[in-house]
Amino acid sequence: METVGIAKAKTLLSRLVARLEGGELDEVVITRAGHPVAKLVPVAVATGKRIGVAKGIFEVPDDSYTPHNADIECMFNGK
């Protein structure tokens, strides 16, 4: 982790991003007046998963789905 003031981050943004992409840094905390205000992380870290890896593997049911178990329906509806 690296901590950078907002003015310096503005000047070094492309370098900081390159270091994140290259794996040299795992995150950059940006501060204003010494207080953290933002964090830069690589996209894979931000999402927690790779984008699009399950495309086409799962079938999403349509909106006409009706529950088959009354107990489960009550739990989901808070009854």
PDB file of N, CA and C in Angstrom:
ATOM      1  N   MET A   1       0.845  -1.179   0.000  1.00  0.00           N
ATOM      2  CA  MET A   1       0.000   0.000   0.000  1.00  0.00           C
ATOM      3  C   MET A   1       0.887   1.237   0.000  1.00  0.00           C
ATOM      4  N   GLU A   2       0.458   2.218  -0.754  1.00  0.00           N
ATOM      5  CA  GLU A   2       1.162   3.501  -0.764  1.00  0.00           C
ATOM      6  C   GLU A   2       0.146   4.592  -0.457  1.00  0.00           C
ATOM      7  N   THR A   3       0.546   5.575   0.317  1.00  0.00           N
ATOM      8  CA  THR A   3      -0.305   6.712   0.643  1.00  0.00           C
ATOM      9  C   THR A   3       0.246   7.935  -0.062  1.00  0.00           C
ATOM     10  N   VAL A   4      -0.649   8.662  -0.754  1.00  0.00           N
ATOM     11  CA  VAL A   4      -0.243   9.811  -1.557  1.00  0.00           C
ATOM     12  C   VAL A   4      -1.234  10.944  -1.335  1.00  0.00           C
ATOM     13  N   GLY A   5      -0.722  12.159  -1.184  1.00  0.00           N
ATOM     14  CA  GLY A   5      -1.592  13.331  -1.099  1.00  0.00           C
ATOM     15  C   GLY A   5      -2.288  13.561  -2.432  1.00  0.00           C
ATOM     16  N   ILE A   6      -3.431  14.203  -2.386  1.00  0.00           N
ATOM     17  CA  ILE A   6      -4.247  14.363  -3.588  1.00  0.00           C
ATOM     18  C   ILE A   6      -3.534  15.166  -4.683  1.00  0.00           C
ATOM     19  N   ALA A   7      -2.788  16.183  -4.327  1.00  0.00           N
ATOM     20  CA  ALA A   7      -2.069  16.973  -5.335  1.00  0.00           C
ATOM     21  C   ALA A   7      -0.990  16.129  -6.013  1.00  0.00           C
ATOM     22  N   LYS A   8      -0.270  15.349  -5.227  1.00  0.00           N
ATOM     23  CA  LYS A   8       0.766  14.484  -5.785  1.00  0.00           C
ATOM     24  C   LYS A   8       0.145  13.377  -6.633  1.00  0.00           C
ATOM     25  N   ALA A   9      -0.988  12.842  -6.178  1.00  0.00           N
ATOM     26  CA  ALA A   9      -1.679  11.790  -6.931  1.00  0.00           C
ATOM     27  C   ALA A   9      -2.120  12.302  -8.294  1.00  0.00           C
ATOM     28  N   LYS A  10      -2.548  13.542  -8.327  1.00  0.00           N
ATOM     29  CA  LYS A  10      -2.975  14.158  -9.586  1.00  0.00           C
ATOM     30  C   LYS A  10      -1.800  14.204 -10.570  1.00  0.00           C
ATOM     31  N   THR A  11      -0.646  14.549 -10.072  1.00  0.00           N
ATOM     32  CA  THR A  11       0.552  14.635 -10.901  1.00  0.00           C
ATOM     33  C   THR A  11       1.043  13.251 -11.328  1.00  0.00           C
ATOM     34  N   LEU A  12       0.938  12.266 -10.431  1.00  0.00           N
ATOM     35  CA  LEU A  12       1.507  10.940 -10.670  1.00  0.00           C
ATOM     36  C   LEU A  12       0.488   9.877 -11.067  1.00  0.00           C
ATOM     37  N   LEU A  13      -0.724  10.269 -11.420  1.00  0.00           N
ATOM     38  CA  LEU A  13      -1.793   9.297 -11.635  1.00  0.00           C
ATOM     39  C   LEU A  13      -1.413   8.198 -12.627  1.00  0.00           C
ATOM     40  N   SER A  14      -0.872   8.547 -13.783  1.00  0.00           N
ATOM     41  CA  SER A  14      -0.552   7.516 -14.768  1.00  0.00           C
ATOM     42  C   SER A  14       0.522   6.565 -14.245  1.00  0.00           C
ATOM     43  N   ARG A  15       1.486   7.066 -13.490  1.00  0.00           N
ATOM     44  CA  ARG A  15       2.523   6.202 -12.909  1.00  0.00           C
ATOM     45  C   ARG A  15       1.933   5.277 -11.841  1.00  0.00           C
ATOM     46  N   LEU A  16       1.042   5.824 -11.020  1.00  0.00           N
ATOM     47  CA  LEU A  16       0.414   5.006  -9.976  1.00  0.00           C
ATOM     48  C   LEU A  16      -0.418   3.887 -10.592  1.00  0.00           C
ATOM     49  N   VAL A  17      -1.166   4.220 -11.641  1.00  0.00           N
ATOM     50  CA  VAL A  17      -1.984   3.215 -12.325  1.00  0.00           C
ATOM     51  C   VAL A  17      -1.089   2.139 -12.944  1.00  0.00           C
ATOM     52  N   ALA A  18       0.012   2.548 -13.552  1.00  0.00           N
ATOM     53  CA  ALA A  18       0.938   1.582 -14.151  1.00  0.00           C
ATOM     54  C   ALA A  18       1.505   0.639 -13.082  1.00  0.00           C
ATOM     55  N   ARG A  19       1.820   1.166 -11.919  1.00  0.00           N
ATOM     56  CA  ARG A  19       2.350   0.340 -10.829  1.00  0.00           C
ATOM     57  C   ARG A  19       1.288  -0.628 -10.304  1.00  0.00           C
ATOM     58  N   LEU A  20       0.029  -0.182 -10.281  1.00  0.00           N
ATOM     59  CA  LEU A  20      -1.066  -1.077  -9.889  1.00  0.00           C
ATOM     60  C   LEU A  20      -1.244  -2.181 -10.920  1.00  0.00           C
ATOM     61  N   GLU A  21      -1.226  -1.807 -12.195  1.00  0.00           N
ATOM     62  CA  GLU A  21      -1.377  -2.794 -13.275  1.00  0.00           C
ATOM     63  C   GLU A  21      -0.249  -3.815 -13.261  1.00  0.00           C
ATOM     64  N   GLY A  22       0.948  -3.349 -12.971  1.00  0.00           N
ATOM     65  CA  GLY A  22       2.108  -4.222 -12.963  1.00  0.00           C
ATOM     66  C   GLY A  22       2.235  -5.085 -11.717  1.00  0.00           C
ATOM     67  N   GLY A  23       1.374  -4.878 -10.754  1.00  0.00           N
ATOM     68  CA  GLY A  23       1.404  -5.673  -9.542  1.00  0.00           C
ATOM     69  C   GLY A  23       2.400  -5.178  -8.501  1.00  0.00           C
ATOM     70  N   GLU A  24       3.048  -4.061  -8.783  1.00  0.00           N
ATOM     71  CA  GLU A  24       4.010  -3.498  -7.830  1.00  0.00           C
ATOM     72  C   GLU A  24       3.302  -2.985  -6.579  1.00  0.00           C
ATOM     73  N   LEU A  25       2.079  -2.482  -6.762  1.00  0.00           N
ATOM     74  CA  LEU A  25       1.257  -1.989  -5.644  1.00  0.00           C
ATOM     75  C   LEU A  25      -0.058  -2.751  -5.637  1.00  0.00           C
ATOM     76  N   ASP A  26      -0.606  -2.988  -4.445  1.00  0.00           N
ATOM     77  CA  ASP A  26      -1.924  -3.601  -4.367  1.00  0.00           C
ATOM     78  C   ASP A  26      -3.019  -2.557  -4.147  1.00  0.00           C
ATOM     79  N   GLU A  27      -2.642  -1.401  -3.623  1.00  0.00           N
ATOM     80  CA  GLU A  27      -3.592  -0.289  -3.489  1.00  0.00           C
ATOM     81  C   GLU A  27      -2.837   1.011  -3.230  1.00  0.00           C
ATOM     82  N   VAL A  28      -3.513   2.115  -3.558  1.00  0.00           N
ATOM     83  CA  VAL A  28      -2.978   3.453  -3.303  1.00  0.00           C
ATOM     84  C   VAL A  28      -4.058   4.222  -2.562  1.00  0.00           C
ATOM     85  N   VAL A  29      -3.738   4.702  -1.366  1.00  0.00           N
ATOM     86  CA  VAL A  29      -4.681   5.504  -0.591  1.00  0.00           C
ATOM     87  C   VAL A  29      -4.369   6.970  -0.863  1.00  0.00           C
ATOM     88  N   ILE A  30      -5.397   7.711  -1.249  1.00  0.00           N
ATOM     89  CA  ILE A  30      -5.238   9.145  -1.540  1.00  0.00           C
ATOM     90  C   ILE A  30      -5.763   9.926  -0.339  1.00  0.00           C
ATOM     91  N   THR A  31      -4.940  10.884   0.106  1.00  0.00           N
ATOM     92  CA  THR A  31      -5.314  11.667   1.282  1.00  0.00           C
ATOM     93  C   THR A  31      -5.516  13.137   0.927  1.00  0.00           C
ATOM     94  N   ARG A  32      -6.318  13.796   1.755  1.00  0.00           N
ATOM     95  CA  ARG A  32      -6.481  15.252   1.667  1.00  0.00           C
ATOM     96  C   ARG A  32      -6.278  15.763   3.082  1.00  0.00           C
ATOM     97  N   ALA A  33      -5.332  16.649   3.243  1.00  0.00           N
ATOM     98  CA  ALA A  33      -4.985  17.193   4.563  1.00  0.00           C
ATOM     99  C   ALA A  33      -4.657  16.078   5.550  1.00  0.00           C
ATOM    100  N   GLY A  34      -4.007  15.018   5.057  1.00  0.00           N
ATOM    101  CA  GLY A  34      -3.589  13.929   5.916  1.00  0.00           C
ATOM    102  C   GLY A  34      -4.642  12.886   6.233  1.00  0.00           C
ATOM    103  N   HIS A  35      -5.868  13.069   5.717  1.00  0.00           N
ATOM    104  CA  HIS A  35      -6.955  12.127   5.983  1.00  0.00           C
ATOM    105  C   HIS A  35      -7.281  11.335   4.715  1.00  0.00           C
ATOM    106  N   PRO A  36      -7.416  10.017   4.807  1.00  0.00           N
ATOM    107  CA  PRO A  36      -7.738   9.207   3.629  1.00  0.00           C
ATOM    108  C   PRO A  36      -9.110   9.582   3.074  1.00  0.00           C
ATOM    109  N   VAL A  37      -9.167   9.770   1.746  1.00  0.00           N
ATOM    110  CA  VAL A  37     -10.439  10.129   1.101  1.00  0.00           C
ATOM    111  C   VAL A  37     -10.804   9.189  -0.046  1.00  0.00           C
ATOM    112  N   ALA A  38      -9.829   8.439  -0.586  1.00  0.00           N
ATOM    113  CA  ALA A  38     -10.109   7.542  -1.694  1.00  0.00           C
ATOM    114  C   ALA A  38      -9.052   6.451  -1.743  1.00  0.00           C
ATOM    115  N   LYS A  39      -9.380   5.376  -2.469  1.00  0.00           N
ATOM    116  CA  LYS A  39      -8.438   4.284  -2.619  1.00  0.00           C
ATOM    117  C   LYS A  39      -8.465   3.812  -4.066  1.00  0.00           C
ATOM    118  N   LEU A  40      -7.285   3.657  -4.669  1.00  0.00           N
ATOM    119  CA  LEU A  40      -7.150   3.094  -6.008  1.00  0.00           C
ATOM    120  C   LEU A  40      -6.720   1.641  -5.863  1.00  0.00           C
ATOM    121  N   VAL A  41      -7.428   0.752  -6.536  1.00  0.00           N
ATOM    122  CA  VAL A  41      -7.078  -0.667  -6.546  1.00  0.00           C
ATOM    123  C   VAL A  41      -7.235  -1.193  -7.956  1.00  0.00           C
ATOM    124  N   PRO A  42      -6.524  -2.259  -8.317  1.00  0.00           N
ATOM    125  CA  PRO A  42      -6.736  -2.855  -9.636  1.00  0.00           C
ATOM    126  C   PRO A  42      -8.166  -3.370  -9.760  1.00  0.00           C
ATOM    127  N   VAL A  43      -8.708  -3.414 -10.954  1.00  0.00           N
ATOM    128  CA  VAL A  43     -10.092  -3.835 -11.169  1.00  0.00           C
ATOM    129  C   VAL A  43     -10.352  -5.228 -10.612  1.00  0.00           C
ATOM    130  N   ALA A  44      -9.458  -6.173 -10.799  1.00  0.00           N
ATOM    131  CA  ALA A  44      -9.662  -7.533 -10.288  1.00  0.00           C
ATOM    132  C   ALA A  44      -9.822  -7.535  -8.776  1.00  0.00           C
ATOM    133  N   VAL A  45      -9.114  -6.678  -8.079  1.00  0.00           N
ATOM    134  CA  VAL A  45      -9.239  -6.581  -6.625  1.00  0.00           C
ATOM    135  C   VAL A  45     -10.559  -5.909  -6.264  1.00  0.00           C
ATOM    136  N   ALA A  46     -10.934  -4.882  -7.009  1.00  0.00           N
ATOM    137  CA  ALA A  46     -12.153  -4.130  -6.706  1.00  0.00           C
ATOM    138  C   ALA A  46     -13.390  -4.992  -6.849  1.00  0.00           C
ATOM    139  N   THR A  47     -13.448  -5.835  -7.860  1.00  0.00           N
ATOM    140  CA  THR A  47     -14.627  -6.649  -8.088  1.00  0.00           C
ATOM    141  C   THR A  47     -14.591  -7.950  -7.326  1.00  0.00           C
ATOM    142  N   GLY A  48     -13.397  -8.395  -6.963  1.00  0.00           N
ATOM    143  CA  GLY A  48     -13.284  -9.661  -6.270  1.00  0.00           C
ATOM    144  C   GLY A  48     -13.362 -10.856  -7.195  1.00  0.00           C
ATOM    145  N   LYS A  49     -13.597 -10.643  -8.472  1.00  0.00           N
ATOM    146  CA  LYS A  49     -13.657 -11.734  -9.435  1.00  0.00           C
ATOM    147  C   LYS A  49     -13.362 -11.201 -10.829  1.00  0.00           C
ATOM    148  N   ARG A  50     -12.986 -12.096 -11.690  1.00  0.00           N
ATOM    149  CA  ARG A  50     -12.731 -11.699 -13.071  1.00  0.00           C
ATOM    150  C   ARG A  50     -14.062 -11.467 -13.778  1.00  0.00           C
ATOM    151  N   ILE A  51     -14.099 -10.489 -14.627  1.00  0.00           N
ATOM    152  CA  ILE A  51     -15.328 -10.136 -15.324  1.00  0.00           C
ATOM    153  C   ILE A  51     -15.601 -11.129 -16.448  1.00  0.00           C
ATOM    154  N   GLY A  52     -16.813 -11.655 -16.508  1.00  0.00           N
ATOM    155  CA  GLY A  52     -17.254 -12.479 -17.623  1.00  0.00           C
ATOM    156  C   GLY A  52     -16.866 -13.940 -17.578  1.00  0.00           C
ATOM    157  N   VAL A  53     -16.317 -14.452 -16.482  1.00  0.00           N
ATOM    158  CA  VAL A  53     -15.852 -15.830 -16.462  1.00  0.00           C
ATOM    159  C   VAL A  53     -16.984 -16.853 -16.474  1.00  0.00           C
ATOM    160  N   ALA A  54     -18.183 -16.477 -16.054  1.00  0.00           N
ATOM    161  CA  ALA A  54     -19.292 -17.433 -16.004  1.00  0.00           C
ATOM    162  C   ALA A  54     -20.326 -17.190 -17.098  1.00  0.00           C
ATOM    163  N   LYS A  55     -20.000 -16.341 -18.056  1.00  0.00           N
ATOM    164  CA  LYS A  55     -20.961 -16.016 -19.111  1.00  0.00           C
ATOM    165  C   LYS A  55     -21.387 -17.283 -19.844  1.00  0.00           C
ATOM    166  N   GLY A  56     -22.707 -17.495 -19.913  1.00  0.00           N
ATOM    167  CA  GLY A  56     -23.254 -18.641 -20.624  1.00  0.00           C
ATOM    168  C   GLY A  56     -23.304 -19.926 -19.824  1.00  0.00           C
ATOM    169  N   ILE A  57     -22.779 -19.942 -18.617  1.00  0.00           N
ATOM    170  CA  ILE A  57     -22.759 -21.162 -17.813  1.00  0.00           C
ATOM    171  C   ILE A  57     -24.049 -21.327 -17.016  1.00  0.00           C
ATOM    172  N   PHE A  58     -24.610 -20.222 -16.537  1.00  0.00           N
ATOM    173  CA  PHE A  58     -25.793 -20.283 -15.691  1.00  0.00           C
ATOM    174  C   PHE A  58     -27.026 -19.798 -16.433  1.00  0.00           C
ATOM    175  N   GLU A  59     -28.144 -20.412 -16.110  1.00  0.00           N
ATOM    176  CA  GLU A  59     -29.420 -19.983 -16.678  1.00  0.00           C
ATOM    177  C   GLU A  59     -30.161 -19.172 -15.620  1.00  0.00           C
ATOM    178  N   VAL A  60     -30.551 -17.970 -15.954  1.00  0.00           N
ATOM    179  CA  VAL A  60     -31.274 -17.109 -15.034  1.00  0.00           C
ATOM    180  C   VAL A  60     -32.765 -17.337 -15.241  1.00  0.00           C
ATOM    181  N   PRO A  61     -33.485 -17.721 -14.187  1.00  0.00           N
ATOM    182  CA  PRO A  61     -34.922 -17.973 -14.356  1.00  0.00           C
ATOM    183  C   PRO A  61     -35.676 -16.691 -14.695  1.00  0.00           C
ATOM    184  N   ASP A  62     -36.764 -16.836 -15.416  1.00  0.00           N
ATOM    185  CA  ASP A  62     -37.565 -15.663 -15.757  1.00  0.00           C
ATOM    186  C   ASP A  62     -38.367 -15.206 -14.543  1.00  0.00           C
ATOM    187  N   ASP A  63     -39.084 -14.103 -14.676  1.00  0.00           N
ATOM    188  CA  ASP A  63     -39.819 -13.515 -13.553  1.00  0.00           C
ATOM    189  C   ASP A  63     -41.066 -14.294 -13.169  1.00  0.00           C
ATOM    190  N   SER A  64     -41.444 -15.296 -13.957  1.00  0.00           N
ATOM    191  CA  SER A  64     -42.671 -16.026 -13.656  1.00  0.00           C
ATOM    192  C   SER A  64     -42.447 -17.162 -12.662  1.00  0.00           C
ATOM    193  N   TYR A  65     -41.249 -17.247 -12.077  1.00  0.00           N
ATOM    194  CA  TYR A  65     -40.936 -18.311 -11.116  1.00  0.00           C
ATOM    195  C   TYR A  65     -41.843 -18.207  -9.900  1.00  0.00           C
ATOM    196  N   THR A  66     -42.406 -19.330  -9.490  1.00  0.00           N
ATOM    197  CA  THR A  66     -43.207 -19.368  -8.257  1.00  0.00           C
ATOM    198  C   THR A  66     -42.577 -20.381  -7.310  1.00  0.00           C
ATOM    199  N   PRO A  67     -42.434 -20.029  -6.046  1.00  0.00           N
ATOM    200  CA  PRO A  67     -41.814 -20.941  -5.088  1.00  0.00           C
ATOM    201  C   PRO A  67     -42.648 -22.206  -4.917  1.00  0.00           C
ATOM    202  N   HIS A  68     -41.983 -23.328  -4.685  1.00  0.00           N
ATOM    203  CA  HIS A  68     -42.678 -24.599  -4.507  1.00  0.00           C
ATOM    204  C   HIS A  68     -42.796 -24.973  -3.037  1.00  0.00           C
ATOM    205  N   ASN A  69     -42.138 -24.236  -2.173  1.00  0.00           N
ATOM    206  CA  ASN A  69     -42.139 -24.563  -0.759  1.00  0.00           C
ATOM    207  C   ASN A  69     -42.634 -23.350   0.028  1.00  0.00           C
ATOM    208  N   ALA A  70     -43.774 -23.509   0.713  1.00  0.00           N
ATOM    209  CA  ALA A  70     -44.387 -22.402   1.445  1.00  0.00           C
ATOM    210  C   ALA A  70     -43.480 -21.883   2.570  1.00  0.00           C
ATOM    211  N   ASP A  71     -42.730 -22.790   3.223  1.00  0.00           N
ATOM    212  CA  ASP A  71     -41.823 -22.362   4.307  1.00  0.00           C
ATOM    213  C   ASP A  71     -40.725 -21.448   3.783  1.00  0.00           C
ATOM    214  N   ILE A  72     -40.147 -21.811   2.660  1.00  0.00           N
ATOM    215  CA  ILE A  72     -39.092 -20.991   2.058  1.00  0.00           C
ATOM    216  C   ILE A  72     -39.666 -19.661   1.596  1.00  0.00           C
ATOM    217  N   GLU A  73     -40.842 -19.689   1.001  1.00  0.00           N
ATOM    218  CA  GLU A  73     -41.478 -18.438   0.575  1.00  0.00           C
ATOM    219  C   GLU A  73     -41.704 -17.518   1.768  1.00  0.00           C
ATOM    220  N   CYS A  74     -42.116 -18.047   2.898  1.00  0.00           N
ATOM    221  CA  CYS A  74     -42.323 -17.234   4.104  1.00  0.00           C
ATOM    222  C   CYS A  74     -41.014 -16.623   4.586  1.00  0.00           C
ATOM    223  N   MET A  75     -39.910 -17.380   4.527  1.00  0.00           N
ATOM    224  CA  MET A  75     -38.622 -16.857   4.963  1.00  0.00           C
ATOM    225  C   MET A  75     -38.168 -15.704   4.077  1.00  0.00           C
ATOM    226  N   PHE A  76     -38.354 -15.841   2.767  1.00  0.00           N
ATOM    227  CA  PHE A  76     -37.937 -14.788   1.865  1.00  0.00           C
ATOM    228  C   PHE A  76     -38.814 -13.550   1.964  1.00  0.00           C
ATOM    229  N   ASN A  77     -40.070 -13.745   2.280  1.00  0.00           N
ATOM    230  CA  ASN A  77     -41.000 -12.616   2.377  1.00  0.00           C
ATOM    231  C   ASN A  77     -41.086 -12.049   3.785  1.00  0.00           C
ATOM    232  N   GLY A  78     -40.323 -12.599   4.723  1.00  0.00           N
ATOM    233  CA  GLY A  78     -40.277 -12.073   6.068  1.00  0.00           C
ATOM    234  C   GLY A  78     -41.515 -12.354   6.904  1.00  0.00           C
ATOM    235  N   LYS A  79     -42.169 -13.448   6.620  1.00  0.00           N
ATOM    236  CA  LYS A  79     -43.390 -13.795   7.379  1.00  0.00           C
ATOM    237  C   LYS A  79     -43.105 -14.851   8.399  1.00  0.00           C
TER     238      LYS A  79
END
